[in-house]
PDB file of all heavy atoms in Angstrom:
ATOM      1  N   ASN A   1     -22.340 -37.337 111.147  1.00  0.00           N
ATOM      2  CA  ASN A   1     -23.196 -36.646 112.109  1.00  0.00           C
ATOM      3  C   ASN A   1     -22.447 -35.902 113.147  1.00  0.00           C
ATOM      4  O   ASN A   1     -21.401 -36.460 113.663  1.00  0.00           O
ATOM      5  CB  ASN A   1     -24.124 -37.713 112.797  1.00  0.00           C
ATOM      6  CG  ASN A   1     -24.992 -38.381 111.780  1.00  0.00           C
ATOM      7  OD1 ASN A   1     -25.797 -37.728 111.032  1.00  0.00           O
ATOM      8  ND2 ASN A   1     -24.842 -39.756 111.681  1.00  0.00           N
ATOM      9  N   PHE A   2     -22.810 -34.685 113.456  1.00  0.00           N
ATOM     10  CA  PHE A   2     -22.027 -33.877 114.351  1.00  0.00           C
ATOM     11  C   PHE A   2     -21.745 -34.511 115.663  1.00  0.00           C
ATOM     12  O   PHE A   2     -20.685 -34.304 116.275  1.00  0.00           O
ATOM     13  CB  PHE A   2     -22.695 -32.481 114.588  1.00  0.00           C
ATOM     14  CG  PHE A   2     -22.711 -31.610 113.391  1.00  0.00           C
ATOM     15  CD1 PHE A   2     -23.690 -30.618 113.212  1.00  0.00           C
ATOM     16  CD2 PHE A   2     -21.759 -31.760 112.419  1.00  0.00           C
ATOM     17  CE1 PHE A   2     -23.661 -29.757 112.091  1.00  0.00           C
ATOM     18  CE2 PHE A   2     -21.705 -30.906 111.258  1.00  0.00           C
ATOM     19  CZ  PHE A   2     -22.694 -29.918 111.164  1.00  0.00           C
ATOM     20  N   ASP A   3     -22.701 -35.340 116.164  1.00  0.00           N
ATOM     21  CA  ASP A   3     -22.467 -35.960 117.513  1.00  0.00           C
ATOM     22  C   ASP A   3     -21.584 -37.228 117.433  1.00  0.00           C
ATOM     23  O   ASP A   3     -21.221 -37.815 118.423  1.00  0.00           O
ATOM     24  CB  ASP A   3     -23.806 -36.230 118.130  1.00  0.00           C
ATOM     25  CG  ASP A   3     -24.677 -37.110 117.244  1.00  0.00           C
ATOM     26  OD1 ASP A   3     -24.247 -37.541 116.157  1.00  0.00           O
ATOM     27  OD2 ASP A   3     -25.852 -37.403 117.692  1.00  0.00           O
ATOM     28  N   ASP A   4     -21.275 -37.653 116.246  1.00  0.00           N
ATOM     29  CA  ASP A   4     -20.449 -38.830 116.104  1.00  0.00           C
ATOM     30  C   ASP A   4     -19.591 -38.862 114.800  1.00  0.00           C
ATOM     31  O   ASP A   4     -20.066 -39.224 113.759  1.00  0.00           O
ATOM     32  CB  ASP A   4     -21.357 -40.142 116.104  1.00  0.00           C
ATOM     33  CG  ASP A   4     -20.516 -41.399 115.867  1.00  0.00           C
ATOM     34  OD1 ASP A   4     -19.245 -41.331 115.955  1.00  0.00           O
ATOM     35  OD2 ASP A   4     -21.129 -42.436 115.664  1.00  0.00           O
ATOM     36  N   PRO A   5     -18.353 -38.318 114.921  1.00  0.00           N
ATOM     37  CA  PRO A   5     -17.479 -38.121 113.724  1.00  0.00           C
ATOM     38  C   PRO A   5     -17.269 -39.427 112.904  1.00  0.00           C
ATOM     39  O   PRO A   5     -16.923 -39.365 111.759  1.00  0.00           O
ATOM     40  CB  PRO A   5     -16.201 -37.573 114.276  1.00  0.00           C
ATOM     41  CG  PRO A   5     -16.584 -36.949 115.611  1.00  0.00           C
ATOM     42  CD  PRO A   5     -17.740 -37.805 116.145  1.00  0.00           C
ATOM     43  N   ASP A   6     -17.486 -40.575 113.527  1.00  0.00           N
ATOM     44  CA  ASP A   6     -17.252 -41.893 112.849  1.00  0.00           C
ATOM     45  C   ASP A   6     -18.487 -42.368 112.105  1.00  0.00           C
ATOM     46  O   ASP A   6     -18.475 -43.416 111.491  1.00  0.00           O
ATOM     47  CB  ASP A   6     -16.677 -42.927 113.765  1.00  0.00           C
ATOM     48  CG  ASP A   6     -15.286 -42.556 114.286  1.00  0.00           C
ATOM     49  OD1 ASP A   6     -14.543 -41.963 113.479  1.00  0.00           O
ATOM     50  OD2 ASP A   6     -14.993 -42.904 115.451  1.00  0.00           O
ATOM     51  N   SER A   7     -19.593 -41.635 112.220  1.00  0.00           N
ATOM     52  CA  SER A   7     -20.809 -42.065 111.651  1.00  0.00           C
ATOM     53  C   SER A   7     -20.955 -41.558 110.201  1.00  0.00           C
ATOM     54  O   SER A   7     -20.099 -40.747 109.759  1.00  0.00           O
ATOM     55  CB  SER A   7     -22.027 -41.627 112.426  1.00  0.00           C
ATOM     56  OG  SER A   7     -22.033 -40.199 112.445  1.00  0.00           O
ATOM     57  N   ARG A   8     -21.968 -41.958 109.447  1.00  0.00           N
ATOM     58  CA  ARG A   8     -22.237 -41.403 108.108  1.00  0.00           C
ATOM     59  C   ARG A   8     -23.518 -40.714 108.072  1.00  0.00           C
ATOM     60  O   ARG A   8     -24.509 -41.160 108.605  1.00  0.00           O
ATOM     61  CB  ARG A   8     -22.256 -42.570 107.109  1.00  0.00           C
ATOM     62  CG  ARG A   8     -22.689 -42.124 105.763  1.00  0.00           C
ATOM     63  CD  ARG A   8     -22.523 -43.177 104.653  1.00  0.00           C
ATOM     64  NE  ARG A   8     -23.293 -42.886 103.471  1.00  0.00           N
ATOM     65  CZ  ARG A   8     -23.011 -43.217 102.263  1.00  0.00           C
ATOM     66  NH1 ARG A   8     -21.947 -43.926 102.009  1.00  0.00           N
ATOM     67  NH2 ARG A   8     -23.769 -42.920 101.216  1.00  0.00           N
ATOM     68  N   ASN A   9     -23.535 -39.514 107.502  1.00  0.00           N
ATOM     69  CA  ASN A   9     -24.761 -38.729 107.408  1.00  0.00           C
ATOM     70  C   ASN A   9     -25.190 -38.680 105.892  1.00  0.00           C
ATOM     71  O   ASN A   9     -24.459 -38.337 105.065  1.00  0.00           O
ATOM     72  CB  ASN A   9     -24.524 -37.297 107.909  1.00  0.00           C
ATOM     73  CG  ASN A   9     -25.770 -36.450 107.684  1.00  0.00           C
ATOM     74  OD1 ASN A   9     -26.073 -35.944 106.634  1.00  0.00           O
ATOM     75  ND2 ASN A   9     -26.569 -36.304 108.770  1.00  0.00           N
ATOM     76  N   ASP A  10     -26.506 -38.986 105.689  1.00  0.00           N
ATOM     77  CA  ASP A  10     -27.037 -39.034 104.313  1.00  0.00           C
ATOM     78  C   ASP A  10     -28.094 -37.960 104.074  1.00  0.00           C
ATOM     79  O   ASP A  10     -28.896 -38.067 103.137  1.00  0.00           O
ATOM     80  CB  ASP A  10     -27.598 -40.400 104.012  1.00  0.00           C
ATOM     81  CG  ASP A  10     -26.442 -41.407 103.740  1.00  0.00           C
ATOM     82  OD1 ASP A  10     -25.373 -40.946 103.302  1.00  0.00           O
ATOM     83  OD2 ASP A  10     -26.606 -42.598 104.000  1.00  0.00           O
ATOM     84  N   ASP A  11     -28.122 -36.866 104.843  1.00  0.00           N
ATOM     85  CA  ASP A  11     -29.008 -35.786 104.557  1.00  0.00           C
ATOM     86  C   ASP A  11     -28.674 -35.232 103.172  1.00  0.00           C
ATOM     87  O   ASP A  11     -27.473 -35.106 102.853  1.00  0.00           O
ATOM     88  CB  ASP A  11     -28.864 -34.683 105.559  1.00  0.00           C
ATOM     89  CG  ASP A  11     -29.350 -35.106 107.018  1.00  0.00           C
ATOM     90  OD1 ASP A  11     -29.919 -36.185 107.111  1.00  0.00           O
ATOM     91  OD2 ASP A  11     -29.097 -34.309 107.953  1.00  0.00           O
ATOM     92  N   ASP A  12     -29.714 -34.853 102.387  1.00  0.00           N
ATOM     93  CA  ASP A  12     -29.447 -34.290 101.068  1.00  0.00           C
ATOM     94  C   ASP A  12     -28.988 -32.822 101.188  1.00  0.00           C
ATOM     95  O   ASP A  12     -29.614 -32.015 101.892  1.00  0.00           O
ATOM     96  CB  ASP A  12     -30.717 -34.374 100.219  1.00  0.00           C
ATOM     97  CG  ASP A  12     -30.341 -34.127  98.788  1.00  0.00           C
ATOM     98  OD1 ASP A  12     -30.052 -32.944  98.397  1.00  0.00           O
ATOM     99  OD2 ASP A  12     -30.452 -35.009  97.967  1.00  0.00           O
ATOM    100  N   SER A  13     -27.911 -32.476 100.490  1.00  0.00           N
ATOM    101  CA  SER A  13     -27.313 -31.114 100.720  1.00  0.00           C
ATOM    102  C   SER A  13     -27.705 -30.162  99.606  1.00  0.00           C
ATOM    103  O   SER A  13     -27.288 -28.996  99.690  1.00  0.00           O
ATOM    104  CB  SER A  13     -25.786 -31.246 100.818  1.00  0.00           C
ATOM    105  OG  SER A  13     -25.201 -31.626  99.545  1.00  0.00           O
ATOM    106  N   ALA A  14     -28.447 -30.579  98.606  1.00  0.00           N
ATOM    107  CA  ALA A  14     -28.649 -29.707  97.424  1.00  0.00           C
ATOM    108  C   ALA A  14     -29.218 -28.308  97.810  1.00  0.00           C
ATOM    109  O   ALA A  14     -28.721 -27.309  97.285  1.00  0.00           O
ATOM    110  CB  ALA A  14     -29.551 -30.420  96.405  1.00  0.00           C
ATOM    111  N   ALA A  15     -30.117 -28.308  98.750  1.00  0.00           N
ATOM    112  CA  ALA A  15     -30.766 -26.970  99.101  1.00  0.00           C
ATOM    113  C   ALA A  15     -29.810 -26.087  99.788  1.00  0.00           C
ATOM    114  O   ALA A  15     -30.035 -24.873  99.815  1.00  0.00           O
ATOM    115  CB  ALA A  15     -32.014 -27.207  99.909  1.00  0.00           C
ATOM    116  N   SER A  16     -28.754 -26.668 100.342  1.00  0.00           N
ATOM    117  CA  SER A  16     -27.786 -25.813 101.135  1.00  0.00           C
ATOM    118  C   SER A  16     -26.578 -25.426 100.368  1.00  0.00           C
ATOM    119  O   SER A  16     -25.735 -24.766 100.866  1.00  0.00           O
ATOM    120  CB  SER A  16     -27.316 -26.642 102.394  1.00  0.00           C
ATOM    121  OG  SER A  16     -28.375 -27.168 103.110  1.00  0.00           O
ATOM    122  N   MET A  17     -26.508 -25.882  99.097  1.00  0.00           N
ATOM    123  CA  MET A  17     -25.295 -25.706  98.299  1.00  0.00           C
ATOM    124  C   MET A  17     -25.465 -24.614  97.228  1.00  0.00           C
ATOM    125  O   MET A  17     -26.553 -24.498  96.623  1.00  0.00           O
ATOM    126  CB  MET A  17     -24.988 -26.974  97.562  1.00  0.00           C
ATOM    127  CG  MET A  17     -24.305 -28.046  98.437  1.00  0.00           C
ATOM    128  SD  MET A  17     -22.575 -27.591  98.897  1.00  0.00           S
ATOM    129  CE  MET A  17     -21.769 -27.729  97.264  1.00  0.00           C
ATOM    130  N   PRO A  18     -24.363 -23.867  96.926  1.00  0.00           N
ATOM    131  CA  PRO A  18     -24.416 -23.018  95.760  1.00  0.00           C
ATOM    132  C   PRO A  18     -24.454 -23.881  94.504  1.00  0.00           C
ATOM    133  O   PRO A  18     -24.196 -25.108  94.622  1.00  0.00           O
ATOM    134  CB  PRO A  18     -23.063 -22.262  95.769  1.00  0.00           C
ATOM    135  CG  PRO A  18     -22.436 -22.635  97.090  1.00  0.00           C
ATOM    136  CD  PRO A  18     -23.119 -23.805  97.633  1.00  0.00           C
ATOM    137  N   LYS A  19     -24.705 -23.334  93.333  1.00  0.00           N
ATOM    138  CA  LYS A  19     -24.730 -24.104  92.101  1.00  0.00           C
ATOM    139  C   LYS A  19     -23.693 -23.565  91.147  1.00  0.00           C
ATOM    140  O   LYS A  19     -23.474 -22.358  91.080  1.00  0.00           O
ATOM    141  CB  LYS A  19     -26.130 -24.041  91.461  1.00  0.00           C
ATOM    142  CG  LYS A  19     -27.321 -24.242  92.431  1.00  0.00           C
ATOM    143  CD  LYS A  19     -27.312 -25.656  93.028  1.00  0.00           C
ATOM    144  CE  LYS A  19     -28.559 -25.962  93.871  1.00  0.00           C
ATOM    145  NZ  LYS A  19     -28.499 -25.309  95.206  1.00  0.00           N
ATOM    146  N   ALA A  20     -23.103 -24.438  90.386  1.00  0.00           N
ATOM    147  CA  ALA A  20     -22.258 -23.945  89.239  1.00  0.00           C
ATOM    148  C   ALA A  20     -23.152 -23.423  88.137  1.00  0.00           C
ATOM    149  O   ALA A  20     -24.323 -23.813  88.061  1.00  0.00           O
ATOM    150  CB  ALA A  20     -21.377 -25.117  88.752  1.00  0.00           C
ATOM    151  N   VAL A  21     -22.639 -22.551  87.335  1.00  0.00           N
ATOM    152  CA  VAL A  21     -23.368 -21.931  86.256  1.00  0.00           C
ATOM    153  C   VAL A  21     -22.655 -22.103  84.949  1.00  0.00           C
ATOM    154  O   VAL A  21     -21.452 -21.830  84.867  1.00  0.00           O
ATOM    155  CB  VAL A  21     -23.600 -20.475  86.531  1.00  0.00           C
ATOM    156  CG1 VAL A  21     -24.439 -19.796  85.399  1.00  0.00           C
ATOM    157  CG2 VAL A  21     -24.275 -20.153  87.893  1.00  0.00           C
ATOM    158  N   VAL A  22     -23.416 -22.537  83.942  1.00  0.00           N
ATOM    159  CA  VAL A  22     -22.783 -22.625  82.598  1.00  0.00           C
ATOM    160  C   VAL A  22     -22.635 -21.172  82.073  1.00  0.00           C
ATOM    161  O   VAL A  22     -23.575 -20.301  82.160  1.00  0.00           O
ATOM    162  CB  VAL A  22     -23.746 -23.406  81.599  1.00  0.00           C
ATOM    163  CG1 VAL A  22     -23.149 -23.343  80.202  1.00  0.00           C
ATOM    164  CG2 VAL A  22     -23.929 -24.822  82.054  1.00  0.00           C
ATOM    165  N   ILE A  23     -21.441 -20.788  81.579  1.00  0.00           N
ATOM    166  CA  ILE A  23     -21.280 -19.444  81.144  1.00  0.00           C
ATOM    167  C   ILE A  23     -21.185 -19.358  79.565  1.00  0.00           C
ATOM    168  O   ILE A  23     -20.885 -20.329  78.892  1.00  0.00           O
ATOM    169  CB  ILE A  23     -19.957 -18.799  81.721  1.00  0.00           C
ATOM    170  CG1 ILE A  23     -18.673 -19.501  81.149  1.00  0.00           C
ATOM    171  CG2 ILE A  23     -19.983 -18.783  83.169  1.00  0.00           C
ATOM    172  CD1 ILE A  23     -17.508 -18.601  81.110  1.00  0.00           C
ATOM    173  N   ASN A  24     -21.416 -18.113  79.082  1.00  0.00           N
ATOM    174  CA  ASN A  24     -21.195 -17.835  77.615  1.00  0.00           C
ATOM    175  C   ASN A  24     -19.756 -17.409  77.571  1.00  0.00           C
ATOM    176  O   ASN A  24     -19.352 -16.378  78.095  1.00  0.00           O
ATOM    177  CB  ASN A  24     -22.142 -16.683  77.259  1.00  0.00           C
ATOM    178  CG  ASN A  24     -21.972 -16.417  75.760  1.00  0.00           C
ATOM    179  OD1 ASN A  24     -21.033 -16.801  75.110  1.00  0.00           O
ATOM    180  ND2 ASN A  24     -22.942 -15.663  75.226  1.00  0.00           N
ATOM    181  N   PRO A  25     -18.924 -18.144  76.797  1.00  0.00           N
ATOM    182  CA  PRO A  25     -17.459 -17.830  76.755  1.00  0.00           C
ATOM    183  C   PRO A  25     -17.164 -16.665  75.820  1.00  0.00           C
ATOM    184  O   PRO A  25     -16.047 -16.153  75.820  1.00  0.00           O
ATOM    185  CB  PRO A  25     -16.867 -19.135  76.188  1.00  0.00           C
ATOM    186  CG  PRO A  25     -17.928 -19.760  75.356  1.00  0.00           C
ATOM    187  CD  PRO A  25     -19.204 -19.411  76.066  1.00  0.00           C
ATOM    188  N   TYR A  26     -18.173 -16.268  75.064  1.00  0.00           N
ATOM    189  CA  TYR A  26     -17.831 -15.253  73.984  1.00  0.00           C
ATOM    190  C   TYR A  26     -17.886 -13.813  74.627  1.00  0.00           C
ATOM    191  O   TYR A  26     -18.741 -13.420  75.372  1.00  0.00           O
ATOM    192  CB  TYR A  26     -18.887 -15.301  72.888  1.00  0.00           C
ATOM    193  CG  TYR A  26     -19.008 -16.748  72.333  1.00  0.00           C
ATOM    194  CD1 TYR A  26     -20.057 -17.580  72.660  1.00  0.00           C
ATOM    195  CD2 TYR A  26     -17.944 -17.275  71.537  1.00  0.00           C
ATOM    196  CE1 TYR A  26     -20.096 -18.885  72.245  1.00  0.00           C
ATOM    197  CE2 TYR A  26     -17.973 -18.522  71.104  1.00  0.00           C
ATOM    198  CZ  TYR A  26     -19.034 -19.343  71.452  1.00  0.00           C
ATOM    199  OH  TYR A  26     -19.090 -20.675  70.971  1.00  0.00           O
ATOM    200  N   PHE A  27     -16.789 -13.076  74.240  1.00  0.00           N
ATOM    201  CA  PHE A  27     -16.616 -11.698  74.813  1.00  0.00           C
ATOM    202  C   PHE A  27     -15.824 -10.885  73.799  1.00  0.00           C
ATOM    203  O   PHE A  27     -14.909 -11.385  73.130  1.00  0.00           O
ATOM    204  CB  PHE A  27     -15.771 -11.755  76.112  1.00  0.00           C
ATOM    205  CG  PHE A  27     -15.630 -10.404  76.715  1.00  0.00           C
ATOM    206  CD1 PHE A  27     -16.680  -9.776  77.457  1.00  0.00           C
ATOM    207  CD2 PHE A  27     -14.380  -9.768  76.665  1.00  0.00           C
ATOM    208  CE1 PHE A  27     -16.484  -8.562  78.041  1.00  0.00           C
ATOM    209  CE2 PHE A  27     -14.210  -8.494  77.261  1.00  0.00           C
ATOM    210  CZ  PHE A  27     -15.250  -7.868  77.939  1.00  0.00           C
ATOM    211  N   ASP A  28     -16.257  -9.614  73.576  1.00  0.00           N
ATOM    212  CA  ASP A  28     -15.567  -8.731  72.658  1.00  0.00           C
ATOM    213  C   ASP A  28     -14.389  -8.104  73.312  1.00  0.00           C
ATOM    214  O   ASP A  28     -14.539  -7.076  73.975  1.00  0.00           O
ATOM    215  CB  ASP A  28     -16.570  -7.719  72.094  1.00  0.00           C
ATOM    216  CG  ASP A  28     -15.872  -6.811  71.106  1.00  0.00           C
ATOM    217  OD1 ASP A  28     -14.718  -7.094  70.705  1.00  0.00           O
ATOM    218  OD2 ASP A  28     -16.507  -5.845  70.677  1.00  0.00           O
ATOM    219  N   TRP A  29     -13.182  -8.643  73.069  1.00  0.00           N
ATOM    220  CA  TRP A  29     -11.976  -8.121  73.698  1.00  0.00           C
ATOM    221  C   TRP A  29     -11.460  -6.893  72.849  1.00  0.00           C
ATOM    222  O   TRP A  29     -10.540  -6.176  73.299  1.00  0.00           O
ATOM    223  CB  TRP A  29     -10.879  -9.158  73.731  1.00  0.00           C
ATOM    224  CG  TRP A  29     -11.094 -10.090  74.867  1.00  0.00           C
ATOM    225  CD1 TRP A  29     -11.545 -11.399  74.850  1.00  0.00           C
ATOM    226  CD2 TRP A  29     -10.759  -9.881  76.240  1.00  0.00           C
ATOM    227  NE1 TRP A  29     -11.570 -11.918  76.076  1.00  0.00           N
ATOM    228  CE2 TRP A  29     -11.133 -11.046  77.017  1.00  0.00           C
ATOM    229  CE3 TRP A  29     -10.291  -8.773  76.993  1.00  0.00           C
ATOM    230  CZ2 TRP A  29     -10.972 -11.107  78.380  1.00  0.00           C
ATOM    231  CZ3 TRP A  29     -10.115  -8.884  78.356  1.00  0.00           C
ATOM    232  CH2 TRP A  29     -10.496 -10.038  79.004  1.00  0.00           C
ATOM    233  N   GLY A  30     -12.013  -6.609  71.709  1.00  0.00           N
ATOM    234  CA  GLY A  30     -11.531  -5.515  70.889  1.00  0.00           C
ATOM    235  C   GLY A  30     -10.039  -5.636  70.576  1.00  0.00           C
ATOM    236  O   GLY A  30      -9.630  -6.699  70.102  1.00  0.00           O
ATOM    237  N   VAL A  31      -9.287  -4.642  70.815  1.00  0.00           N
ATOM    238  CA  VAL A  31      -7.834  -4.639  70.491  1.00  0.00           C
ATOM    239  C   VAL A  31      -7.017  -5.034  71.734  1.00  0.00           C
ATOM    240  O   VAL A  31      -5.847  -4.689  71.774  1.00  0.00           O
ATOM    241  CB  VAL A  31      -7.366  -3.326  69.865  1.00  0.00           C
ATOM    242  CG1 VAL A  31      -8.065  -3.055  68.560  1.00  0.00           C
ATOM    243  CG2 VAL A  31      -7.630  -2.153  70.877  1.00  0.00           C
ATOM    244  N   ASP A  32      -7.605  -5.608  72.741  1.00  0.00           N
ATOM    245  CA  ASP A  32      -6.891  -5.865  73.991  1.00  0.00           C
ATOM    246  C   ASP A  32      -5.599  -6.556  73.804  1.00  0.00           C
ATOM    247  O   ASP A  32      -5.486  -7.548  73.074  1.00  0.00           O
ATOM    248  CB  ASP A  32      -7.787  -6.705  74.927  1.00  0.00           C
ATOM    249  CG  ASP A  32      -7.118  -6.919  76.251  1.00  0.00           C
ATOM    250  OD1 ASP A  32      -7.050  -5.901  77.024  1.00  0.00           O
ATOM    251  OD2 ASP A  32      -6.679  -8.048  76.572  1.00  0.00           O
ATOM    252  N   HIS A  33      -4.544  -6.095  74.444  1.00  0.00           N
ATOM    253  CA  HIS A  33      -3.228  -6.802  74.451  1.00  0.00           C
ATOM    254  C   HIS A  33      -2.582  -6.601  75.788  1.00  0.00           C
ATOM    255  O   HIS A  33      -2.778  -5.559  76.452  1.00  0.00           O
ATOM    256  CB  HIS A  33      -2.334  -6.353  73.276  1.00  0.00           C
ATOM    257  CG  HIS A  33      -1.993  -4.881  73.361  1.00  0.00           C
ATOM    258  ND1 HIS A  33      -2.803  -3.915  72.940  1.00  0.00           N
ATOM    259  CD2 HIS A  33      -0.907  -4.315  73.937  1.00  0.00           C
ATOM    260  CE1 HIS A  33      -2.240  -2.715  73.137  1.00  0.00           C
ATOM    261  NE2 HIS A  33      -1.116  -2.940  73.783  1.00  0.00           N
ATOM    262  N   PRO A  34      -1.724  -7.556  76.189  1.00  0.00           N
ATOM    263  CA  PRO A  34      -1.061  -7.355  77.538  1.00  0.00           C
ATOM    264  C   PRO A  34      -0.102  -6.240  77.496  1.00  0.00           C
ATOM    265  O   PRO A  34       0.647  -6.085  76.552  1.00  0.00           O
ATOM    266  CB  PRO A  34      -0.321  -8.755  77.727  1.00  0.00           C
ATOM    267  CG  PRO A  34      -0.310  -9.369  76.394  1.00  0.00           C
ATOM    268  CD  PRO A  34      -1.402  -8.807  75.551  1.00  0.00           C
ATOM    269  N   PRO A  35      -0.069  -5.371  78.591  1.00  0.00           N
ATOM    270  CA  PRO A  35       0.892  -4.305  78.650  1.00  0.00           C
ATOM    271  C   PRO A  35       2.369  -4.760  78.650  1.00  0.00           C
ATOM    272  O   PRO A  35       3.254  -4.094  78.107  1.00  0.00           O
ATOM    273  CB  PRO A  35       0.562  -3.578  79.936  1.00  0.00           C
ATOM    274  CG  PRO A  35      -0.865  -3.942  80.210  1.00  0.00           C
ATOM    275  CD  PRO A  35      -1.040  -5.350  79.711  1.00  0.00           C
TER     276      PRO A  35
END
């Protein structure tokens, strides 16, 4: 809790947080190669 750094706060943070996203790993790199 902001008014007491030694206390514990149990407010739920889900609504205030960004979310991770599952991605599609497939991509057409064509003939890509490192220069």
